[in-house]
N, C-alpha and C. Protein backbone atom coordinates (compact mmCIF):
# COMPACT_ATOMS: atom_id res chain seq x y z
N UNK A 1 190.10 225.75 149.28
CA UNK A 1 189.88 224.55 150.57
C UNK A 1 189.31 223.41 149.43
N UNK A 2 190.02 222.24 149.85
CA UNK A 2 189.58 220.94 149.30
C UNK A 2 188.31 220.39 149.90
N UNK A 3 187.47 219.58 149.17
CA UNK A 3 186.50 219.03 149.34
C UNK A 3 186.75 218.06 150.87
N UNK A 4 187.63 217.56 150.91
CA UNK A 4 187.79 216.69 152.24
C UNK A 4 187.97 217.82 153.50
N UNK A 5 188.57 219.17 153.33
CA UNK A 5 188.67 219.88 154.27
C UNK A 5 187.18 220.36 154.51
N UNK A 6 186.71 220.75 153.76
CA UNK A 6 185.23 221.47 153.92
C UNK A 6 184.51 220.33 154.58
N UNK A 7 184.59 219.04 154.13
CA UNK A 7 183.64 217.81 154.92
C UNK A 7 184.28 217.94 156.20
N UNK A 8 185.35 217.92 156.73
CA UNK A 8 185.60 217.79 157.94
C UNK A 8 185.07 219.07 158.52
N UNK A 9 185.41 220.05 158.15
CA UNK A 9 184.94 221.45 158.69
C UNK A 9 183.58 221.43 159.16
N UNK A 10 182.64 220.80 158.08
CA UNK A 10 181.10 220.86 158.40
C UNK A 10 180.90 219.80 159.46
N UNK A 11 181.66 218.68 159.71
CA UNK A 11 181.50 217.71 160.95
C UNK A 11 181.81 218.43 161.93
N UNK A 12 182.85 219.11 162.01
CA UNK A 12 183.28 219.94 163.32
C UNK A 12 182.15 220.92 163.69
N UNK A 13 181.60 221.49 162.83
CA UNK A 13 180.80 222.59 162.94
C UNK A 13 179.40 222.01 163.72
N UNK A 14 178.96 220.82 162.81
CA UNK A 14 177.78 220.06 163.43
C UNK A 14 177.89 219.82 164.80
N UNK A 15 179.17 219.01 165.19
CA UNK A 15 179.23 218.75 166.46
C UNK A 15 179.74 219.68 167.59
N UNK A 16 180.11 221.04 167.15
CA UNK A 16 180.22 221.99 168.00
C UNK A 16 178.84 222.54 168.27
N UNK A 17 177.63 222.64 167.48
CA UNK A 17 176.52 223.21 167.52
C UNK A 17 175.76 222.04 168.40
N UNK A 18 175.73 221.11 168.18
CA UNK A 18 175.05 219.84 169.14
C UNK A 18 175.69 220.22 170.54
N UNK A 19 177.16 220.31 170.68
CA UNK A 19 177.61 220.57 172.08
C UNK A 19 176.72 221.73 172.74
N UNK A 20 176.80 222.73 171.89
CA UNK A 20 176.25 224.00 172.44
C UNK A 20 175.02 223.75 172.81
N UNK A 21 174.09 223.19 172.04
CA UNK A 21 172.70 222.95 172.33
C UNK A 21 172.44 222.26 173.36
N UNK A 22 173.38 221.27 173.52
CA UNK A 22 173.33 220.49 174.76
C UNK A 22 173.80 221.05 176.33
N UNK A 23 174.66 221.65 176.01
CA UNK A 23 175.22 222.91 177.27
C UNK A 23 174.03 223.91 177.36
N UNK A 24 173.43 224.25 176.41
CA UNK A 24 172.48 225.25 176.50
C UNK A 24 171.22 224.88 177.16
N UNK A 25 170.92 223.39 176.85
CA UNK A 25 169.85 222.70 177.89
C UNK A 25 169.79 222.66 179.03
N UNK A 26 171.13 222.69 179.60
CA UNK A 26 171.50 222.64 181.22
C UNK A 26 171.61 224.07 181.77
N UNK A 27 171.41 225.08 181.38
CA UNK A 27 171.48 226.50 181.86
C UNK A 27 170.30 226.98 181.90
N UNK A 28 169.67 227.50 183.23
CA UNK A 28 168.46 227.77 183.41
C UNK A 28 167.93 229.22 182.65
N UNK A 29 167.00 229.75 182.75
CA UNK A 29 166.52 231.10 182.32
C UNK A 29 167.09 231.79 183.15
N UNK A 30 167.44 233.21 183.23
CA UNK A 30 167.70 234.17 184.32
C UNK A 30 166.63 234.52 184.88
N UNK A 31 165.27 234.10 184.83
CA UNK A 31 164.31 234.52 185.65
C UNK A 31 163.54 233.49 185.55
N UNK A 32 162.48 233.63 186.59
CA UNK A 32 161.26 232.28 186.29
C UNK A 32 160.96 231.70 187.40
N UNK A 33 160.10 232.02 188.18
CA UNK A 33 159.06 230.99 189.12
C UNK A 33 160.16 230.94 190.14
N UNK A 34 160.00 229.61 190.75
CA UNK A 34 160.67 229.43 191.93
C UNK A 34 161.55 228.30 191.73
N UNK A 35 162.36 228.77 190.39
CA UNK A 35 163.52 227.82 190.27
C UNK A 35 164.60 227.71 191.40
N UNK A 36 165.12 229.36 191.66
CA UNK A 36 165.96 229.14 192.78
C UNK A 36 165.70 228.24 194.03
N UNK A 37 164.24 228.09 194.37
CA UNK A 37 164.33 227.23 195.44
C UNK A 37 163.97 225.94 194.99
N UNK A 38 163.42 225.46 194.00
CA UNK A 38 163.45 224.01 193.55
C UNK A 38 164.58 223.52 193.01
N UNK A 39 165.35 224.35 192.35
CA UNK A 39 166.60 223.78 191.58
C UNK A 39 166.39 223.16 189.96
N UNK A 40 164.92 223.20 189.86
CA UNK A 40 164.51 223.01 188.67
C UNK A 40 163.87 224.12 188.00
N UNK A 41 164.47 224.58 186.45
CA UNK A 41 163.92 225.67 185.93
C UNK A 41 163.12 225.53 184.73
N UNK A 42 162.85 224.16 184.72
CA UNK A 42 161.74 223.88 183.53
C UNK A 42 162.33 222.74 182.54
N UNK A 43 161.67 222.82 181.61
CA UNK A 43 162.20 221.77 180.51
C UNK A 43 163.56 222.15 179.79
N UNK A 44 164.13 221.31 179.63
CA UNK A 44 165.54 221.55 178.65
C UNK A 44 165.29 221.17 177.55
N UNK A 45 166.49 220.71 176.72
CA UNK A 45 166.43 220.26 175.37
C UNK A 45 165.54 219.01 175.45
N UNK A 46 164.78 218.81 174.43
CA UNK A 46 163.75 217.54 174.32
C UNK A 46 162.91 217.42 175.39
N UNK A 47 162.54 218.52 176.16
CA UNK A 47 161.44 218.36 177.13
C UNK A 47 162.13 217.73 178.48
N UNK A 48 163.40 217.46 178.62
CA UNK A 48 163.91 216.63 179.68
C UNK A 48 164.21 218.01 180.86
N UNK A 49 164.22 217.61 182.09
CA UNK A 49 164.42 218.92 183.20
C UNK A 49 165.73 219.44 183.11
N UNK A 50 166.31 220.59 183.45
CA UNK A 50 167.35 221.16 183.43
C UNK A 50 168.09 220.80 184.36
N UNK A 51 169.61 220.66 184.32
CA UNK A 51 170.21 219.99 185.43
C UNK A 51 170.57 221.26 186.59
N UNK A 52 170.95 222.82 185.68
CA UNK A 52 171.37 223.62 187.17
C UNK A 52 170.11 224.31 187.47
N UNK A 53 170.41 224.60 189.04
CA UNK A 53 168.87 225.28 189.58
C UNK A 53 169.03 226.58 189.52
N UNK A 54 170.30 227.32 189.29
CA UNK A 54 170.38 228.70 189.45
C UNK A 54 171.05 229.03 187.99
N UNK A 55 172.15 229.74 188.00
CA UNK A 55 173.46 230.33 187.04
C UNK A 55 174.21 228.95 187.10
N UNK A 56 174.88 229.17 185.70
CA UNK A 56 176.03 228.28 185.37
C UNK A 56 176.98 228.14 186.58
N UNK A 57 177.22 229.41 187.31
CA UNK A 57 178.36 229.45 188.30
C UNK A 57 177.62 229.16 189.71
N UNK A 58 176.56 228.96 189.78
CA UNK A 58 175.90 228.61 191.11
C UNK A 58 175.01 227.67 191.06
N UNK A 59 175.35 226.33 190.94
CA UNK A 59 174.72 225.37 190.76
C UNK A 59 174.09 224.62 192.10
N UNK A 60 174.08 225.12 193.17
CA UNK A 60 173.56 224.41 194.23
C UNK A 60 171.90 224.41 194.02
N UNK A 61 171.67 223.23 194.44
CA UNK A 61 170.13 223.06 194.34
C UNK A 61 169.45 223.60 195.36
N UNK A 62 169.26 223.81 196.47
CA UNK A 62 168.84 224.46 197.59
C UNK A 62 169.59 225.81 198.29
N UNK A 63 168.82 226.66 198.54
CA UNK A 63 169.65 227.71 199.11
C UNK A 63 170.61 227.57 199.99
N UNK A 64 171.91 228.15 199.91
CA UNK A 64 173.01 228.05 200.74
C UNK A 64 172.89 228.52 202.01
N UNK A 65 173.79 228.51 202.99
CA UNK A 65 173.89 229.04 204.42
C UNK A 65 173.71 230.67 204.27
N UNK A 66 172.88 231.31 205.13
CA UNK A 66 172.68 232.79 205.07
C UNK A 66 171.66 233.32 203.87
N UNK A 67 171.17 232.26 203.27
CA UNK A 67 170.14 232.35 202.02
C UNK A 67 168.83 232.30 202.60
N UNK A 68 167.73 233.01 202.25
CA UNK A 68 166.39 232.73 202.58
C UNK A 68 165.96 231.29 202.47
N UNK A 69 165.26 230.73 203.16
CA UNK A 69 164.91 229.23 202.98
C UNK A 69 166.01 228.19 203.21
N UNK A 70 167.09 228.56 203.59
CA UNK A 70 168.19 227.61 203.84
C UNK A 70 167.83 226.39 204.88
N UNK A 71 167.99 225.28 204.68
CA UNK A 71 167.90 224.01 205.82
C UNK A 71 168.88 223.24 205.32
N UNK A 72 169.60 223.20 206.80
CA UNK A 72 171.12 222.50 206.48
C UNK A 72 170.75 220.95 206.11
N UNK A 73 171.40 220.27 205.39
CA UNK A 73 171.65 218.93 205.13
C UNK A 73 171.82 218.06 206.19
N UNK A 74 171.19 216.97 206.48
CA UNK A 74 171.44 216.11 207.63
C UNK A 74 171.49 214.76 206.97
N UNK A 75 172.16 213.59 207.83
CA UNK A 75 172.41 212.23 207.04
C UNK A 75 171.08 211.96 206.61
N UNK A 76 169.84 212.01 207.27
CA UNK A 76 168.80 211.64 206.51
C UNK A 76 168.30 212.10 205.46
N UNK A 77 168.74 213.44 205.50
CA UNK A 77 168.03 214.55 204.31
C UNK A 77 169.28 215.34 203.87
N UNK A 78 170.00 214.66 203.11
CA UNK A 78 171.14 215.71 202.64
C UNK A 78 170.70 216.59 201.85
N UNK A 79 171.33 217.85 201.62
CA UNK A 79 171.19 218.95 200.82
C UNK A 79 171.93 218.61 199.57
N UNK A 80 171.25 218.83 198.46
CA UNK A 80 171.84 218.36 196.96
C UNK A 80 172.40 219.54 196.54
N UNK A 81 173.76 219.32 196.23
CA UNK A 81 174.56 220.38 195.53
C UNK A 81 175.08 219.74 194.19
N UNK A 82 174.55 220.40 192.84
CA UNK A 82 174.84 219.86 191.77
C UNK A 82 176.22 220.67 191.16
N UNK A 83 177.03 219.83 190.79
CA UNK A 83 178.11 220.16 190.23
C UNK A 83 178.39 219.93 188.56
N UNK A 84 178.94 220.86 187.89
CA UNK A 84 179.16 220.38 186.28
C UNK A 84 180.84 220.29 186.25
N UNK A 85 181.15 218.74 185.68
CA UNK A 85 182.63 218.89 185.34
C UNK A 85 182.77 219.28 183.73
N UNK A 86 183.55 220.48 183.67
CA UNK A 86 183.62 220.67 182.18
C UNK A 86 184.69 220.42 181.45
N UNK A 87 184.28 220.66 180.00
CA UNK A 87 185.59 219.84 179.29
C UNK A 87 186.84 220.75 179.34
N UNK A 88 186.67 222.06 180.01
CA UNK A 88 187.72 222.84 180.16
C UNK A 88 188.58 222.49 181.51
N UNK A 89 188.36 221.41 182.07
CA UNK A 89 188.90 220.59 183.52
C UNK A 89 188.63 221.66 184.45
N UNK A 90 187.26 221.95 184.55
CA UNK A 90 186.96 222.82 185.68
C UNK A 90 185.72 222.41 186.18
N UNK A 91 185.52 222.67 187.50
CA UNK A 91 184.18 222.42 188.16
C UNK A 91 183.54 223.68 188.12
N UNK A 92 181.91 223.44 187.89
CA UNK A 92 181.26 224.59 188.08
C UNK A 92 180.13 224.09 189.01
N UNK A 93 179.80 224.94 190.45
CA UNK A 93 180.78 226.05 190.74
C UNK A 93 181.97 225.24 191.20
N UNK A 94 182.95 226.38 191.34
CA UNK A 94 184.19 225.93 192.04
C UNK A 94 184.47 226.13 193.79
N UNK A 95 183.22 226.73 194.06
CA UNK A 95 183.25 227.23 195.37
C UNK A 95 181.88 226.90 195.95
N UNK A 96 181.77 226.05 197.13
CA UNK A 96 180.40 225.46 197.67
C UNK A 96 180.31 226.11 199.06
N UNK A 97 179.39 226.80 199.42
CA UNK A 97 179.29 227.11 201.07
C UNK A 97 178.53 226.28 201.73
N UNK A 98 179.04 225.69 203.01
CA UNK A 98 178.23 224.75 203.67
C UNK A 98 177.92 225.21 205.11
N UNK A 99 177.12 224.62 205.85
CA UNK A 99 177.13 224.83 207.50
C UNK A 99 178.12 223.78 208.03
N UNK A 100 178.66 224.06 209.10
CA UNK A 100 179.68 223.02 209.88
C UNK A 100 178.66 222.26 210.34
N UNK A 101 179.16 220.82 210.07
CA UNK A 101 178.29 219.61 210.26
C UNK A 101 177.23 219.12 209.28
N UNK A 102 177.05 219.69 208.30
CA UNK A 102 176.14 219.57 207.11
C UNK A 102 176.28 218.27 206.56
N UNK A 103 175.43 217.72 205.90
CA UNK A 103 175.53 216.58 205.14
C UNK A 103 174.99 217.04 203.76
N UNK A 104 175.93 216.68 202.68
CA UNK A 104 175.71 217.16 201.27
C UNK A 104 175.92 215.89 200.43
N UNK A 105 174.93 215.75 199.75
CA UNK A 105 174.88 215.04 198.57
C UNK A 105 175.35 215.70 197.11
N UNK A 106 176.52 215.26 196.82
CA UNK A 106 176.99 216.15 195.57
C UNK A 106 176.70 215.25 194.33
N UNK A 107 175.89 215.78 193.43
CA UNK A 107 175.68 215.29 191.96
C UNK A 107 176.49 216.02 190.92
N UNK A 108 177.31 215.04 190.62
CA UNK A 108 178.48 215.64 189.68
C UNK A 108 178.10 214.98 188.12
N UNK A 109 177.85 215.89 187.39
CA UNK A 109 177.71 215.50 186.02
C UNK A 109 178.70 216.08 184.94
N UNK A 110 179.28 215.28 183.79
CA UNK A 110 180.35 215.34 183.02
C UNK A 110 179.65 216.06 181.89
N UNK A 111 180.05 217.39 181.35
CA UNK A 111 179.85 217.85 180.20
C UNK A 111 181.15 217.84 179.29
N UNK A 112 180.91 217.11 178.10
CA UNK A 112 181.86 216.87 177.16
C UNK A 112 182.55 215.53 177.31
N UNK A 113 183.61 215.06 176.39
CA UNK A 113 183.76 213.78 176.13
C UNK A 113 184.84 213.20 177.19
N UNK A 114 185.27 213.86 177.95
CA UNK A 114 186.36 213.37 178.87
C UNK A 114 185.72 212.98 180.37
N UNK A 115 186.21 211.92 180.51
CA UNK A 115 185.73 210.95 181.80
C UNK A 115 186.54 211.66 183.07
N UNK A 116 185.70 211.93 184.05
CA UNK A 116 186.03 212.91 185.24
C UNK A 116 185.77 212.00 186.70
N UNK A 117 186.44 212.16 187.81
CA UNK A 117 185.75 211.81 189.00
C UNK A 117 185.78 212.88 189.92
N UNK A 118 185.30 212.72 191.03
CA UNK A 118 185.05 213.66 192.13
C UNK A 118 185.30 213.18 193.44
N UNK A 119 186.19 213.68 194.07
CA UNK A 119 186.69 213.13 195.52
C UNK A 119 186.52 214.43 196.47
N UNK A 120 185.94 214.44 197.43
CA UNK A 120 185.58 215.33 198.52
C UNK A 120 186.06 215.06 199.84
N UNK A 121 186.38 215.84 200.56
CA UNK A 121 186.72 215.73 201.89
C UNK A 121 187.93 216.61 202.32
N UNK A 122 188.63 216.33 203.53
CA UNK A 122 189.59 217.28 203.99
C UNK A 122 190.44 217.62 203.09
N UNK A 123 190.79 218.81 202.80
CA UNK A 123 191.69 219.46 201.77
C UNK A 123 192.98 218.73 201.47
N UNK A 124 193.72 218.25 202.86
CA UNK A 124 195.11 217.54 202.45
C UNK A 124 194.86 215.99 201.82
N UNK A 125 193.74 215.50 202.31
CA UNK A 125 193.39 213.97 201.92
C UNK A 125 193.06 214.20 200.44
N UNK A 126 192.24 215.35 200.07
CA UNK A 126 191.70 215.35 198.42
C UNK A 126 193.11 215.63 197.52
N UNK A 127 193.59 216.69 197.90
CA UNK A 127 195.23 216.84 197.42
C UNK A 127 196.19 215.89 197.09
N UNK A 128 195.97 214.81 198.15
CA UNK A 128 196.95 213.77 198.13
C UNK A 128 196.55 212.82 197.58
N UNK A 129 195.03 212.41 196.88
CA UNK A 129 194.59 211.56 196.43
C UNK A 129 194.39 210.23 197.39
N UNK A 130 194.44 210.70 198.47
CA UNK A 130 194.51 209.69 199.61
C UNK A 130 193.45 208.63 199.55
N UNK A 131 193.91 207.52 199.65
CA UNK A 131 193.08 206.23 199.84
C UNK A 131 191.94 206.35 200.97
N UNK A 132 190.58 205.79 200.72
CA UNK A 132 189.74 206.02 201.59
C UNK A 132 189.01 207.42 201.54
N UNK A 133 189.55 208.37 200.70
CA UNK A 133 188.53 209.45 200.69
C UNK A 133 187.36 209.32 199.78
N UNK A 134 186.30 209.93 200.07
CA UNK A 134 184.95 209.62 199.20
C UNK A 134 185.26 210.10 197.90
N UNK A 135 184.80 209.28 196.98
CA UNK A 135 184.67 209.71 195.75
C UNK A 135 183.87 208.93 194.60
N UNK A 136 183.55 209.55 193.60
CA UNK A 136 182.82 208.50 192.79
C UNK A 136 183.72 208.90 191.44
N UNK A 137 183.86 207.56 190.64
CA UNK A 137 184.94 207.76 189.58
C UNK A 137 184.32 207.33 188.45
N UNK A 138 185.06 207.73 187.28
CA UNK A 138 184.47 207.25 185.69
C UNK A 138 183.23 207.95 185.42
N UNK A 139 183.23 209.19 185.67
CA UNK A 139 181.85 209.81 185.57
C UNK A 139 182.08 210.22 183.98
N UNK A 140 181.03 209.41 183.05
CA UNK A 140 181.25 209.68 181.30
C UNK A 140 180.82 210.97 181.05
N UNK A 141 180.68 211.06 179.67
CA UNK A 141 180.11 212.22 178.95
C UNK A 141 178.49 212.06 179.49
N UNK A 142 178.15 213.08 179.97
CA UNK A 142 176.77 213.48 180.22
C UNK A 142 175.86 212.55 181.04
N UNK A 143 177.03 211.87 181.98
CA UNK A 143 176.64 211.02 183.08
C UNK A 143 176.84 211.68 184.47
N UNK A 144 175.82 211.46 185.48
CA UNK A 144 176.03 211.95 186.55
C UNK A 144 176.30 210.91 187.93
N UNK A 145 177.34 211.21 188.68
CA UNK A 145 177.57 210.33 189.79
C UNK A 145 177.32 211.08 191.02
N UNK A 146 177.22 210.31 191.96
CA UNK A 146 176.60 211.19 193.14
C UNK A 146 177.61 210.50 194.53
N UNK A 147 177.83 211.31 195.38
CA UNK A 147 178.60 210.59 196.45
C UNK A 147 178.22 211.82 197.76
N UNK A 148 177.54 211.37 198.74
CA UNK A 148 177.26 211.88 200.12
C UNK A 148 178.41 212.10 201.11
N UNK A 149 178.55 213.42 201.57
CA UNK A 149 179.62 213.71 202.70
C UNK A 149 178.88 214.60 203.90
N UNK A 150 179.42 214.13 205.11
CA UNK A 150 179.07 214.86 206.24
C UNK A 150 180.42 215.60 206.89
N UNK A 151 180.20 216.95 206.67
CA UNK A 151 181.53 217.77 207.07
C UNK A 151 181.75 218.10 208.33
N UNK A 152 182.44 217.04 209.04
CA UNK A 152 182.77 217.21 210.40
C UNK A 152 184.25 217.59 210.51
N UNK A 153 184.55 218.05 211.68
CA UNK A 153 185.84 218.36 212.00
C UNK A 153 185.97 219.89 211.64
N UNK A 154 187.28 220.05 211.80
CA UNK A 154 187.67 221.68 211.44
C UNK A 154 187.92 222.07 209.96
N UNK A 155 187.92 221.15 209.17
CA UNK A 155 188.38 221.47 207.81
C UNK A 155 189.75 221.95 207.77
N UNK A 156 190.09 222.47 206.60
CA UNK A 156 189.49 222.84 205.43
C UNK A 156 189.19 221.84 204.50
N UNK A 157 187.90 222.03 203.69
CA UNK A 157 187.53 220.93 203.00
C UNK A 157 187.79 221.29 201.57
N UNK A 158 187.81 220.07 200.60
CA UNK A 158 187.75 220.64 199.07
C UNK A 158 187.12 219.58 198.49
N UNK A 159 187.35 219.71 197.22
CA UNK A 159 187.01 218.61 196.08
C UNK A 159 187.92 218.81 194.63
N UNK A 160 188.02 217.44 194.16
CA UNK A 160 188.94 217.51 193.23
C UNK A 160 188.75 216.57 192.32
N UNK A 161 189.47 216.54 190.86
CA UNK A 161 189.07 215.28 190.07
C UNK A 161 190.65 214.92 190.10
N UNK A 162 190.91 213.84 190.08
CA UNK A 162 192.28 213.11 189.95
C UNK A 162 192.43 212.05 188.51
N UNK A 163 191.51 212.30 187.77
CA UNK A 163 191.83 211.81 186.52
C UNK A 163 193.28 212.09 185.85
N UNK A 164 193.94 211.56 185.23
CA UNK A 164 195.34 212.03 184.85
C UNK A 164 195.56 213.37 184.22
N UNK A 165 196.29 214.01 185.00
CA UNK A 165 196.54 215.63 184.49
C UNK A 165 195.45 216.58 184.82
N UNK A 166 194.18 215.98 185.63
CA UNK A 166 192.89 216.74 185.72
C UNK A 166 193.27 217.96 187.04
N UNK A 167 193.76 217.18 187.86
CA UNK A 167 194.11 218.10 189.37
C UNK A 167 195.22 219.16 188.75
N UNK A 168 196.25 218.43 188.07
CA UNK A 168 197.51 219.74 187.73
C UNK A 168 197.10 220.51 186.99
N UNK A 169 195.76 220.56 186.22
CA UNK A 169 195.32 221.64 185.34
C UNK A 169 194.43 222.55 186.02
N UNK A 170 194.21 221.96 187.39
CA UNK A 170 193.51 223.01 188.37
C UNK A 170 192.17 222.54 188.36
N UNK A 171 191.61 221.39 188.07
CA UNK A 171 190.35 220.79 188.58
C UNK A 171 190.16 220.42 189.97
N UNK A 172 189.96 221.57 190.60
CA UNK A 172 189.67 221.73 192.21
C UNK A 172 188.35 222.51 192.63
N UNK A 173 187.96 222.39 193.55
CA UNK A 173 187.06 223.30 194.20
C UNK A 173 187.21 223.36 195.54
N UNK A 174 186.71 224.45 196.24
CA UNK A 174 186.76 224.83 197.62
C UNK A 174 185.47 224.88 198.26
N UNK A 175 185.63 224.29 199.53
CA UNK A 175 184.28 224.18 200.47
C UNK A 175 184.52 225.46 201.61
N UNK A 176 183.71 226.14 201.59
CA UNK A 176 183.65 227.24 202.50
C UNK A 176 182.67 227.14 203.68
N UNK A 177 183.12 227.02 205.07
CA UNK A 177 182.22 227.01 206.00
C UNK A 177 181.64 228.25 206.55
N UNK A 178 180.39 228.33 206.79
CA UNK A 178 179.76 229.38 207.54
C UNK A 178 179.16 228.91 208.86
């Protein structure tokens, strides 16, 4: 292997390691205190708070409908649900359970170098990328954007990213109502 290739391989390995360390700082320990209730599992990389309140695939900050301690979000006090937009063009979690009429503040963080958006509302409007559908656009790497939405009406509801090619690649999520 040439010196140039070895150098580029080294750069790629260092970048991959940094990305894995960064992602790891957002994944909470499997156990520990009241993290499921509070949404914070303690310090992450370099002492900062961790993003995820549960596991990578269950990012809701507060207990959901049917769980012990659940309190429905209201316009004055929305329930916070944290979503991760991944480099693989997926949302984690990709299913969020709500109570009919509930108000949710979605906090969406992009992991990786790709810029994402987050649109939420009636599934037909989200699928059509309809004008006026609530969204937060241009969420860059390691940035968080938020949008608050009250789920009124019969549904179904969904969320998606309509950055070029992302929706077509499957970057969508489902809202289930209990």
